[in-house]
């Protein structure tokens, strides 16, 4: 009983690396810079289409600087949902999901640092396994590797 009382503060103060305020602020800052580059058309863009279940499609855009991917944008064909993947030094650092076709309406986001990840919904952070995000991004690179190499 005493041991559990001693460990209680540890459980409430233990943050994942990706959830630390300094890391999330740094990632947000990097994402803002990349987004500004995209809006000012500083990126080289490779466009493609993803075929989904039920004959649905999504558009995919790779935003590159000097042949290095900084951002991937995946939008549903009706533009009701969009997911943006942000990279720093070729590593996935941030994923944000928008809903209802509104780039101001964030459904949720994921912060990745080292081998940890956390999901942010509203103001609540939850530790998650980054494997599903990393495998999704890996499949995008595999599907479009010929177009990416050609650039």
C-alpha atoms as a PDB file:
ATOM      1  CA  UNK A   1       0.000   0.000   0.000  1.00  0.00           C
ATOM      2  CA  UNK A   2       2.792   2.420   0.923  1.00  0.00           C
ATOM      3  CA  UNK A   3       4.623   1.615  -2.293  1.00  0.00           C
ATOM      4  CA  UNK A   4       1.561   2.376  -4.393  1.00  0.00           C
ATOM      5  CA  UNK A   5       1.158   5.716  -2.616  1.00  0.00           C
ATOM      6  CA  UNK A   6       4.801   6.550  -3.307  1.00  0.00           C
ATOM      7  CA  UNK A   7       4.476   5.654  -6.977  1.00  0.00           C
ATOM      8  CA  UNK A   8       1.226   7.556  -7.465  1.00  0.00           C
ATOM      9  CA  UNK A   9       2.924  10.932  -8.150  1.00  0.00           C
ATOM     10  CA  UNK A  10       5.230   9.221 -10.656  1.00  0.00           C
ATOM     11  CA  UNK A  11       2.295   7.957 -12.720  1.00  0.00           C
ATOM     12  CA  UNK A  12       0.701  11.383 -12.868  1.00  0.00           C
ATOM     13  CA  UNK A  13       3.908  13.231 -13.752  1.00  0.00           C
ATOM     14  CA  UNK A  14       5.363  10.702 -16.176  1.00  0.00           C
ATOM     15  CA  UNK A  15       5.039  12.124 -19.677  1.00  0.00           C
ATOM     16  CA  UNK A  16       5.978  10.491 -22.923  1.00  0.00           C
ATOM     17  CA  UNK A  17       8.783  12.239 -24.767  1.00  0.00           C
ATOM     18  CA  UNK A  18       6.299  13.333 -27.448  1.00  0.00           C
ATOM     19  CA  UNK A  19       4.023  14.900 -24.839  1.00  0.00           C
ATOM     20  CA  UNK A  20       6.588  17.130 -23.150  1.00  0.00           C
ATOM     21  CA  UNK A  21       5.549  20.775 -23.560  1.00  0.00           C
ATOM     22  CA  UNK A  22       8.899  21.835 -25.001  1.00  0.00           C
ATOM     23  CA  UNK A  23       8.720  19.052 -27.626  1.00  0.00           C
ATOM     24  CA  UNK A  24       5.121  19.806 -28.637  1.00  0.00           C
ATOM     25  CA  UNK A  25       5.891  23.530 -28.954  1.00  0.00           C
ATOM     26  CA  UNK A  26       8.962  22.760 -31.078  1.00  0.00           C
ATOM     27  CA  UNK A  27       6.962  20.410 -33.321  1.00  0.00           C
ATOM     28  CA  UNK A  28       4.158  22.984 -33.663  1.00  0.00           C
ATOM     29  CA  UNK A  29       6.745  25.574 -34.660  1.00  0.00           C
ATOM     30  CA  UNK A  30       8.283  23.291 -37.302  1.00  0.00           C
ATOM     31  CA  UNK A  31       4.823  22.449 -38.671  1.00  0.00           C
ATOM     32  CA  UNK A  32       3.985  26.162 -38.946  1.00  0.00           C
ATOM     33  CA  UNK A  33       7.154  26.842 -40.947  1.00  0.00           C
ATOM     34  CA  UNK A  34       6.464  23.925 -43.301  1.00  0.00           C
ATOM     35  CA  UNK A  35       2.852  25.050 -43.766  1.00  0.00           C
ATOM     36  CA  UNK A  36       4.000  28.591 -44.567  1.00  0.00           C
ATOM     37  CA  UNK A  37       6.393  27.197 -47.185  1.00  0.00           C
ATOM     38  CA  UNK A  38       3.526  25.234 -48.719  1.00  0.00           C
ATOM     39  CA  UNK A  39       1.265  28.296 -48.890  1.00  0.00           C
ATOM     40  CA  UNK A  40       4.022  30.432 -50.391  1.00  0.00           C
ATOM     41  CA  UNK A  41       4.579  27.705 -53.006  1.00  0.00           C
ATOM     42  CA  UNK A  42       8.180  27.026 -52.011  1.00  0.00           C
ATOM     43  CA  UNK A  43       7.606  23.280 -52.263  1.00  0.00           C
ATOM     44  CA  UNK A  44       7.996  21.078 -55.267  1.00  0.00           C
ATOM     45  CA  UNK A  45       4.739  19.068 -55.360  1.00  0.00           C
ATOM     46  CA  UNK A  46       4.145  15.534 -56.565  1.00  0.00           C
ATOM     47  CA  UNK A  47       0.452  14.674 -56.929  1.00  0.00           C
ATOM     48  CA  UNK A  48      -1.211  11.295 -56.998  1.00  0.00           C
ATOM     49  CA  UNK A  49      -4.423   9.410 -56.275  1.00  0.00           C
ATOM     50  CA  UNK A  50      -5.086   6.672 -53.729  1.00  0.00           C
ATOM     51  CA  UNK A  51      -7.762   4.087 -54.503  1.00  0.00           C
ATOM     52  CA  UNK A  52      -9.672   3.183 -51.347  1.00  0.00           C
ATOM     53  CA  UNK A  53     -12.326   0.622 -50.507  1.00  0.00           C
ATOM     54  CA  UNK A  54     -15.698   1.005 -52.209  1.00  0.00           C
ATOM     55  CA  UNK A  55     -14.228   2.749 -55.269  1.00  0.00           C
ATOM     56  CA  UNK A  56     -13.518   5.867 -53.212  1.00  0.00           C
ATOM     57  CA  UNK A  57     -10.401   7.890 -53.879  1.00  0.00           C
ATOM     58  CA  UNK A  58      -8.201  10.337 -52.064  1.00  0.00           C
ATOM     59  CA  UNK A  59      -5.734  12.768 -53.505  1.00  0.00           C
ATOM     60  CA  UNK A  60      -2.195  12.725 -52.171  1.00  0.00           C
ATOM     61  CA  UNK A  61       0.415  15.450 -52.462  1.00  0.00           C
ATOM     62  CA  UNK A  62       4.043  15.154 -51.480  1.00  0.00           C
ATOM     63  CA  UNK A  63       5.594  18.531 -50.644  1.00  0.00           C
ATOM     64  CA  UNK A  64       9.347  18.458 -51.203  1.00  0.00           C
ATOM     65  CA  UNK A  65      12.273  20.783 -50.653  1.00  0.00           C
ATOM     66  CA  UNK A  66      15.431  19.718 -52.492  1.00  0.00           C
ATOM     67  CA  UNK A  67      13.922  16.237 -53.072  1.00  0.00           C
ATOM     68  CA  UNK A  68      13.241  15.721 -49.365  1.00  0.00           C
ATOM     69  CA  UNK A  69       9.628  15.286 -48.267  1.00  0.00           C
ATOM     70  CA  UNK A  70       8.552  17.845 -45.679  1.00  0.00           C
ATOM     71  CA  UNK A  71       4.817  17.220 -45.806  1.00  0.00           C
ATOM     72  CA  UNK A  72       2.270  14.791 -47.229  1.00  0.00           C
ATOM     73  CA  UNK A  73      -1.349  15.884 -47.667  1.00  0.00           C
ATOM     74  CA  UNK A  74      -4.075  13.263 -48.116  1.00  0.00           C
ATOM     75  CA  UNK A  75      -7.575  14.571 -48.892  1.00  0.00           C
ATOM     76  CA  UNK A  76     -10.705  12.509 -49.450  1.00  0.00           C
ATOM     77  CA  UNK A  77     -12.288  12.914 -52.882  1.00  0.00           C
ATOM     78  CA  UNK A  78     -15.139  14.957 -51.419  1.00  0.00           C
ATOM     79  CA  UNK A  79     -12.641  16.942 -49.307  1.00  0.00           C
ATOM     80  CA  UNK A  80     -14.574  16.191 -46.138  1.00  0.00           C
ATOM     81  CA  UNK A  81     -11.472  14.790 -44.430  1.00  0.00           C
ATOM     82  CA  UNK A  82      -7.797  15.625 -44.738  1.00  0.00           C
ATOM     83  CA  UNK A  83      -4.662  14.358 -43.043  1.00  0.00           C
ATOM     84  CA  UNK A  84      -1.350  16.197 -43.047  1.00  0.00           C
ATOM     85  CA  UNK A  85       1.909  14.414 -42.237  1.00  0.00           C
ATOM     86  CA  UNK A  86       4.903  16.572 -41.278  1.00  0.00           C
ATOM     87  CA  UNK A  87       8.553  15.494 -41.438  1.00  0.00           C
ATOM     88  CA  UNK A  88      11.802  16.834 -40.004  1.00  0.00           C
ATOM     89  CA  UNK A  89      15.096  15.312 -41.131  1.00  0.00           C
ATOM     90  CA  UNK A  90      13.128  12.578 -42.947  1.00  0.00           C
ATOM     91  CA  UNK A  91      11.364  11.512 -39.736  1.00  0.00           C
ATOM     92  CA  UNK A  92       7.640  11.767 -39.134  1.00  0.00           C
ATOM     93  CA  UNK A  93       7.089  14.266 -36.317  1.00  0.00           C
ATOM     94  CA  UNK A  94       3.465  15.382 -36.530  1.00  0.00           C
ATOM     95  CA  UNK A  95       0.165  14.207 -38.006  1.00  0.00           C
ATOM     96  CA  UNK A  96      -3.022  16.246 -37.971  1.00  0.00           C
ATOM     97  CA  UNK A  97      -6.504  15.129 -39.041  1.00  0.00           C
ATOM     98  CA  UNK A  98      -9.079  17.675 -40.184  1.00  0.00           C
ATOM     99  CA  UNK A  99     -12.751  16.979 -40.567  1.00  0.00           C
ATOM    100  CA  UNK A 100     -15.808  18.417 -42.350  1.00  0.00           C
ATOM    101  CA  UNK A 101     -13.646  19.952 -45.085  1.00  0.00           C
ATOM    102  CA  UNK A 102     -12.504  22.624 -42.680  1.00  0.00           C
ATOM    103  CA  UNK A 103      -8.768  23.144 -42.182  1.00  0.00           C
ATOM    104  CA  UNK A 104      -9.580  25.061 -39.003  1.00  0.00           C
ATOM    105  CA  UNK A 105     -11.423  22.117 -37.435  1.00  0.00           C
ATOM    106  CA  UNK A 106      -8.860  19.694 -36.043  1.00  0.00           C
ATOM    107  CA  UNK A 107     -10.278  16.279 -35.239  1.00  0.00           C
ATOM    108  CA  UNK A 108      -7.074  15.062 -33.578  1.00  0.00           C
ATOM    109  CA  UNK A 109      -3.320  15.204 -33.931  1.00  0.00           C
ATOM    110  CA  UNK A 110      -0.310  13.051 -33.153  1.00  0.00           C
ATOM    111  CA  UNK A 111       3.077  14.173 -31.871  1.00  0.00           C
ATOM    112  CA  UNK A 112       6.022  11.835 -32.468  1.00  0.00           C
ATOM    113  CA  UNK A 113       9.428  12.077 -30.791  1.00  0.00           C
ATOM    114  CA  UNK A 114      12.083   9.392 -30.662  1.00  0.00           C
ATOM    115  CA  UNK A 115      10.163   6.133 -30.230  1.00  0.00           C
ATOM    116  CA  UNK A 116       7.131   7.626 -28.526  1.00  0.00           C
ATOM    117  CA  UNK A 117       3.916   9.157 -29.762  1.00  0.00           C
ATOM    118  CA  UNK A 118       0.891  10.755 -28.222  1.00  0.00           C
ATOM    119  CA  UNK A 119      -2.518  11.566 -29.591  1.00  0.00           C
ATOM    120  CA  UNK A 120      -4.039  14.924 -28.798  1.00  0.00           C
ATOM    121  CA  UNK A 121      -7.807  15.271 -28.883  1.00  0.00           C
ATOM    122  CA  UNK A 122      -8.981  18.638 -27.642  1.00  0.00           C
ATOM    123  CA  UNK A 123      -6.560  19.315 -24.807  1.00  0.00           C
ATOM    124  CA  UNK A 124      -6.187  15.674 -23.751  1.00  0.00           C
ATOM    125  CA  UNK A 125      -2.997  13.755 -24.559  1.00  0.00           C
ATOM    126  CA  UNK A 126      -2.984   9.955 -24.750  1.00  0.00           C
ATOM    127  CA  UNK A 127       0.082   7.808 -25.297  1.00  0.00           C
ATOM    128  CA  UNK A 128      -0.228   5.703 -28.472  1.00  0.00           C
ATOM    129  CA  UNK A 129       1.875   3.287 -30.456  1.00  0.00           C
ATOM    130  CA  UNK A 130       3.328   5.138 -33.481  1.00  0.00           C
ATOM    131  CA  UNK A 131       3.567   1.941 -35.576  1.00  0.00           C
ATOM    132  CA  UNK A 132       0.277   2.463 -37.428  1.00  0.00           C
ATOM    133  CA  UNK A 133       1.247   6.012 -38.456  1.00  0.00           C
ATOM    134  CA  UNK A 134       4.725   4.947 -39.531  1.00  0.00           C
ATOM    135  CA  UNK A 135       3.412   2.014 -41.568  1.00  0.00           C
ATOM    136  CA  UNK A 136       0.835   4.242 -43.260  1.00  0.00           C
ATOM    137  CA  UNK A 137       3.503   6.755 -44.280  1.00  0.00           C
ATOM    138  CA  UNK A 138       5.825   3.970 -45.363  1.00  0.00           C
ATOM    139  CA  UNK A 139       3.125   2.597 -47.670  1.00  0.00           C
ATOM    140  CA  UNK A 140       2.646   6.057 -49.231  1.00  0.00           C
ATOM    141  CA  UNK A 141       6.369   6.269 -49.975  1.00  0.00           C
ATOM    142  CA  UNK A 142       6.334   2.728 -51.402  1.00  0.00           C
ATOM    143  CA  UNK A 143       3.347   3.443 -53.651  1.00  0.00           C
ATOM    144  CA  UNK A 144       4.854   6.613 -55.077  1.00  0.00           C
ATOM    145  CA  UNK A 145       8.583   5.817 -54.934  1.00  0.00           C
ATOM    146  CA  UNK A 146       9.015   5.945 -58.732  1.00  0.00           C
ATOM    147  CA  UNK A 147       7.491   9.431 -58.935  1.00  0.00           C
ATOM    148  CA  UNK A 148       9.559  10.587 -55.956  1.00  0.00           C
ATOM    149  CA  UNK A 149      12.790   9.204 -57.430  1.00  0.00           C
ATOM    150  CA  UNK A 150      12.071  10.845 -60.785  1.00  0.00           C
ATOM    151  CA  UNK A 151      12.001  14.299 -59.189  1.00  0.00           C
END
